[in-house]
Amino acid sequence: MYDICDTVRGVAERAISLRLDEDAARALQFLMRNGESRSQAIRAALIGEARRRKLEIAAADAARVAADPKDRREIAEVQALMEDLRGEG
C-alpha cells in the first residue's frame, strides 16, 4: 500500500562487522576509555585515520612540488600575478 519513506530510500546498509586481533582490541579499549561506545570510538578512529592519510598525501604532494624547479617557478609566477592584482585593486 505504501512505498518506502523518502527519508529512508537510497540509504545503503552501513553496518559492518570485523574481527579484532589483540592489538586492535587493546586499541579499541584505549579509545573507549572516556566512555565512548564502540561505535563512536570506531567512527572517530576511521575519520581520524582518513584525515591523517589525507594530510600525509598533501605533505607528499607539497614535497614533490617543492623539489620540482618547474613547479616552483610556476608558483612564483602565480604569486607575482596575485601581488600585481592586489596592487591594482
Protein backbone atom coordinates (compact mmCIF):
# COMPACT_ATOMS: atom_id res chain seq x y z
CA MET A 1 0.00 0.00 0.00
CA TYR A 2 2.74 2.47 0.95
CA ASP A 3 6.15 2.90 -0.67
CA ILE A 4 9.33 3.16 1.31
CA CYS A 5 9.58 6.51 3.07
CA ASP A 6 11.60 9.06 1.06
CA THR A 7 13.89 9.72 4.01
CA VAL A 8 14.98 6.08 4.01
CA ARG A 9 15.13 5.40 0.28
CA GLY A 10 18.65 5.11 -1.08
CA VAL A 11 20.36 4.70 2.28
CA ALA A 12 22.89 1.91 1.93
CA GLU A 13 23.49 -0.57 4.69
CA ARG A 14 26.38 0.82 6.70
CA ALA A 15 26.73 -1.69 9.50
CA ILE A 16 29.95 -3.66 9.37
CA SER A 17 31.47 -6.45 11.38
CA LEU A 18 35.11 -7.20 11.92
CA ARG A 19 37.37 -9.47 13.89
CA LEU A 20 39.84 -7.74 16.16
CA ASP A 21 43.27 -9.14 16.88
CA GLU A 22 44.80 -8.46 20.30
CA ASP A 23 46.44 -5.18 19.22
CA ALA A 24 43.22 -3.87 17.71
CA ALA A 25 41.20 -4.94 20.76
CA ARG A 26 43.62 -3.08 23.06
CA ALA A 27 43.48 -0.03 20.80
CA LEU A 28 39.68 -0.07 20.87
CA GLN A 29 39.67 -0.35 24.67
CA PHE A 30 42.02 2.63 24.79
CA LEU A 31 39.76 4.67 22.51
CA MET A 32 36.74 3.82 24.68
CA ARG A 33 38.45 4.88 27.92
CA ASN A 34 36.49 8.15 28.14
CA GLY A 35 33.11 6.46 27.96
CA GLU A 36 32.64 6.38 24.21
CA SER A 37 30.72 3.45 22.79
CA ARG A 38 32.43 1.00 20.48
CA SER A 39 30.64 2.56 17.52
CA GLN A 40 31.67 6.08 18.49
CA ALA A 41 35.30 5.03 19.04
CA ILE A 42 35.46 3.15 15.73
CA ARG A 43 33.85 6.03 13.81
CA ALA A 44 36.28 8.52 15.37
CA ALA A 45 39.23 6.24 14.58
CA LEU A 46 38.16 5.84 10.94
CA ILE A 47 37.68 9.57 10.48
CA GLY A 48 40.95 10.33 12.24
CA GLU A 49 42.88 7.85 10.13
CA ALA A 50 41.34 9.20 6.92
CA ARG A 51 42.36 12.74 7.92
CA ARG A 52 45.88 11.56 8.77
CA ARG A 53 46.24 9.87 5.39
CA LYS A 54 44.92 12.93 3.54
CA LEU A 55 47.47 15.11 5.34
CA GLU A 56 50.18 12.57 4.52
CA ILE A 57 49.24 12.70 0.84
CA ALA A 58 49.13 16.52 0.89
CA ALA A 59 52.56 16.66 2.55
CA ALA A 60 53.99 14.30 -0.08
CA ASP A 61 52.47 16.43 -2.85
CA ALA A 62 53.91 19.60 -1.30
CA ALA A 63 57.35 17.98 -1.03
CA ARG A 64 57.15 16.86 -4.66
CA VAL A 65 56.19 20.35 -5.82
CA ALA A 66 58.89 21.95 -3.67
CA ALA A 67 61.51 19.65 -5.20
CA ASP A 68 60.49 20.43 -8.79
CA PRO A 69 62.10 23.62 -10.19
CA LYS A 70 59.40 23.92 -12.87
CA ASP A 71 56.62 23.78 -10.25
CA ARG A 72 58.45 26.29 -8.03
CA ARG A 73 58.85 28.66 -10.99
CA GLU A 74 55.13 28.35 -11.80
CA ILE A 75 54.20 29.04 -8.16
CA ALA A 76 56.43 32.13 -8.16
CA GLU A 77 54.73 33.36 -11.34
CA VAL A 78 51.28 32.90 -9.84
CA GLN A 79 52.33 34.64 -6.64
CA ALA A 80 53.71 37.57 -8.62
CA LEU A 81 50.48 37.78 -10.60
CA MET A 82 48.44 37.77 -7.40
CA GLU A 83 50.61 40.56 -5.97
CA ASP A 84 50.14 42.59 -9.15
CA LEU A 85 46.38 42.09 -8.99
CA ARG A 86 46.33 43.07 -5.34
CA GLY A 87 48.19 46.31 -6.16
CA GLU A 88 45.66 47.20 -8.86
CA GLY A 89 42.61 46.74 -6.64
